[in-house]
Amino acid sequence: MSPERIKAIRKSVARSPKEFEARFGIPARTVEGWEQDRRKPDPAARVLLAVIEKDPGAVERALDAA
């Protein structure tokens, strides 16, 4: 998953990495590292990002139920 795609996913659901963290629990610094290509998301993170891209509400509902 490219840094550009990760940034596009984040921007589609949150104005900032901090807001993304508040909604989905992924630390802002982690998201920033992915967006700046300093780190690569692991396989589980890529799946989570793909689900957020397709249906962010599903992730929020799952987190609310946890």
N, C-alpha and C. Protein backbone atom coordinates (compact mmCIF):
# COMPACT_ATOMS: atom_id res chain seq x y z
N MET A 1 0.86 -1.16 0.00
CA MET A 1 0.00 0.00 0.00
C MET A 1 0.91 1.23 0.00
N SER A 2 0.69 2.11 -0.94
CA SER A 2 1.57 3.28 -1.10
C SER A 2 1.28 4.36 -0.06
N PRO A 3 2.28 5.16 0.25
CA PRO A 3 2.06 6.29 1.17
C PRO A 3 0.96 7.23 0.67
N GLU A 4 0.88 7.41 -0.63
CA GLU A 4 -0.15 8.29 -1.20
C GLU A 4 -1.55 7.74 -0.95
N ARG A 5 -1.69 6.44 -1.09
CA ARG A 5 -3.01 5.82 -0.85
C ARG A 5 -3.38 5.92 0.62
N ILE A 6 -2.41 5.68 1.50
CA ILE A 6 -2.67 5.78 2.94
C ILE A 6 -3.11 7.20 3.28
N LYS A 7 -2.43 8.19 2.74
CA LYS A 7 -2.79 9.58 3.01
C LYS A 7 -4.19 9.88 2.47
N ALA A 8 -4.51 9.37 1.30
CA ALA A 8 -5.83 9.58 0.71
C ALA A 8 -6.92 8.95 1.58
N ILE A 9 -6.66 7.75 2.09
CA ILE A 9 -7.61 7.09 2.99
C ILE A 9 -7.82 7.95 4.23
N ARG A 10 -6.72 8.37 4.83
CA ARG A 10 -6.81 9.18 6.04
C ARG A 10 -7.56 10.48 5.79
N LYS A 11 -7.25 11.15 4.69
CA LYS A 11 -7.90 12.43 4.39
C LYS A 11 -9.38 12.26 4.07
N SER A 12 -9.76 11.09 3.58
CA SER A 12 -11.17 10.88 3.25
C SER A 12 -12.04 10.73 4.49
N VAL A 13 -11.43 10.40 5.63
CA VAL A 13 -12.21 10.18 6.85
C VAL A 13 -11.80 11.07 8.03
N ALA A 14 -10.69 11.81 7.89
CA ALA A 14 -10.21 12.64 8.99
C ALA A 14 -9.36 13.78 8.44
N ARG A 15 -9.46 14.93 9.10
CA ARG A 15 -8.68 16.09 8.66
C ARG A 15 -7.21 15.98 9.03
N SER A 16 -6.91 15.23 10.09
CA SER A 16 -5.53 15.15 10.57
C SER A 16 -5.24 13.75 11.10
N PRO A 17 -3.95 13.42 11.23
CA PRO A 17 -3.61 12.13 11.85
C PRO A 17 -4.16 12.00 13.27
N LYS A 18 -4.23 13.10 14.01
CA LYS A 18 -4.78 13.06 15.38
C LYS A 18 -6.27 12.69 15.35
N GLU A 19 -7.01 13.28 14.43
CA GLU A 19 -8.43 12.95 14.29
C GLU A 19 -8.60 11.49 13.87
N PHE A 20 -7.73 11.01 12.97
CA PHE A 20 -7.76 9.62 12.54
C PHE A 20 -7.50 8.70 13.75
N GLU A 21 -6.55 9.09 14.58
CA GLU A 21 -6.25 8.33 15.80
C GLU A 21 -7.48 8.27 16.71
N ALA A 22 -8.15 9.39 16.88
CA ALA A 22 -9.33 9.43 17.74
C ALA A 22 -10.45 8.53 17.22
N ARG A 23 -10.60 8.47 15.90
CA ARG A 23 -11.68 7.66 15.32
C ARG A 23 -11.36 6.17 15.29
N PHE A 24 -10.10 5.83 14.98
CA PHE A 24 -9.78 4.43 14.69
C PHE A 24 -8.72 3.81 15.59
N GLY A 25 -8.13 4.59 16.49
CA GLY A 25 -7.18 4.04 17.45
C GLY A 25 -5.78 3.77 16.93
N ILE A 26 -5.49 4.19 15.72
CA ILE A 26 -4.14 4.01 15.19
C ILE A 26 -3.36 5.27 15.56
N PRO A 27 -2.24 5.13 16.27
CA PRO A 27 -1.50 6.32 16.72
C PRO A 27 -1.14 7.26 15.56
N ALA A 28 -1.29 8.55 15.81
CA ALA A 28 -1.01 9.56 14.79
C ALA A 28 0.42 9.43 14.27
N ARG A 29 1.37 9.17 15.15
CA ARG A 29 2.77 9.05 14.71
C ARG A 29 2.96 7.86 13.77
N THR A 30 2.22 6.80 14.01
CA THR A 30 2.29 5.63 13.13
C THR A 30 1.76 6.00 11.75
N VAL A 31 0.60 6.66 11.70
CA VAL A 31 0.01 7.07 10.43
C VAL A 31 0.96 8.02 9.70
N GLU A 32 1.54 8.96 10.41
CA GLU A 32 2.49 9.89 9.80
C GLU A 32 3.69 9.15 9.22
N GLY A 33 4.18 8.14 9.94
CA GLY A 33 5.30 7.33 9.42
C GLY A 33 4.93 6.61 8.14
N TRP A 34 3.72 6.09 8.08
CA TRP A 34 3.26 5.42 6.85
C TRP A 34 3.14 6.42 5.71
N GLU A 35 2.56 7.58 6.01
CA GLU A 35 2.34 8.59 4.96
C GLU A 35 3.65 9.15 4.44
N GLN A 36 4.67 9.19 5.28
CA GLN A 36 5.97 9.74 4.87
C GLN A 36 6.93 8.65 4.43
N ASP A 37 6.43 7.43 4.33
CA ASP A 37 7.20 6.27 3.84
C ASP A 37 8.42 5.97 4.72
N ARG A 38 8.33 6.31 6.00
CA ARG A 38 9.41 5.95 6.93
C ARG A 38 9.20 4.54 7.44
N ARG A 39 7.95 4.10 7.46
CA ARG A 39 7.60 2.75 7.90
C ARG A 39 6.54 2.21 6.95
N LYS A 40 6.45 0.89 6.91
CA LYS A 40 5.43 0.22 6.10
C LYS A 40 4.40 -0.40 7.03
N PRO A 41 3.12 -0.30 6.70
CA PRO A 41 2.13 -0.98 7.53
C PRO A 41 2.27 -2.49 7.42
N ASP A 42 2.11 -3.19 8.54
CA ASP A 42 2.17 -4.65 8.50
C ASP A 42 0.89 -5.19 7.86
N PRO A 43 0.82 -6.49 7.60
CA PRO A 43 -0.35 -7.04 6.91
C PRO A 43 -1.68 -6.74 7.61
N ALA A 44 -1.72 -6.82 8.92
CA ALA A 44 -2.98 -6.53 9.63
C ALA A 44 -3.37 -5.06 9.47
N ALA A 45 -2.40 -4.17 9.51
CA ALA A 45 -2.68 -2.74 9.33
C ALA A 45 -3.18 -2.47 7.91
N ARG A 46 -2.63 -3.16 6.91
CA ARG A 46 -3.09 -2.98 5.54
C ARG A 46 -4.55 -3.41 5.40
N VAL A 47 -4.91 -4.50 6.05
CA VAL A 47 -6.31 -4.96 6.01
C VAL A 47 -7.20 -3.91 6.67
N LEU A 48 -6.79 -3.42 7.85
CA LEU A 48 -7.58 -2.41 8.55
C LEU A 48 -7.74 -1.16 7.70
N LEU A 49 -6.68 -0.71 7.06
CA LEU A 49 -6.76 0.47 6.19
C LEU A 49 -7.71 0.23 5.02
N ALA A 50 -7.66 -0.96 4.45
CA ALA A 50 -8.56 -1.29 3.33
C ALA A 50 -10.02 -1.27 3.78
N VAL A 51 -10.30 -1.77 4.97
CA VAL A 51 -11.67 -1.75 5.49
C VAL A 51 -12.09 -0.30 5.76
N ILE A 52 -11.19 0.48 6.35
CA ILE A 52 -11.51 1.89 6.59
C ILE A 52 -11.81 2.59 5.27
N GLU A 53 -11.06 2.27 4.24
CA GLU A 53 -11.27 2.88 2.93
C GLU A 53 -12.66 2.54 2.38
N LYS A 54 -13.08 1.30 2.53
CA LYS A 54 -14.36 0.84 1.96
C LYS A 54 -15.56 1.17 2.84
N ASP A 55 -15.39 1.03 4.17
CA ASP A 55 -16.53 1.20 5.08
C ASP A 55 -16.04 1.64 6.47
N PRO A 56 -15.67 2.91 6.61
CA PRO A 56 -15.15 3.37 7.89
C PRO A 56 -16.15 3.17 9.04
N GLY A 57 -17.42 3.22 8.74
CA GLY A 57 -18.43 3.01 9.77
C GLY A 57 -18.37 1.61 10.38
N ALA A 58 -18.01 0.62 9.56
CA ALA A 58 -17.89 -0.76 10.06
C ALA A 58 -16.81 -0.85 11.13
N VAL A 59 -15.71 -0.15 10.92
CA VAL A 59 -14.62 -0.16 11.90
C VAL A 59 -15.07 0.55 13.17
N GLU A 60 -15.73 1.68 13.02
CA GLU A 60 -16.20 2.40 14.20
C GLU A 60 -17.22 1.58 14.99
N ARG A 61 -18.12 0.89 14.29
CA ARG A 61 -19.10 0.05 14.98
C ARG A 61 -18.41 -1.08 15.72
N ALA A 62 -17.40 -1.68 15.11
CA ALA A 62 -16.67 -2.76 15.76
C ALA A 62 -15.92 -2.23 16.98
N LEU A 63 -15.34 -1.06 16.90
CA LEU A 63 -14.63 -0.50 18.04
C LEU A 63 -15.61 -0.13 19.15
N ASP A 64 -16.78 0.36 18.80
CA ASP A 64 -17.78 0.70 19.81
C ASP A 64 -18.28 -0.53 20.55
N ALA A 65 -18.33 -1.67 19.85
CA ALA A 65 -18.82 -2.90 20.44
C ALA A 65 -17.78 -3.58 21.32
N ALA A 66 -16.54 -3.20 21.14
CA ALA A 66 -15.44 -3.86 21.90
C ALA A 66 -15.37 -3.38 23.33
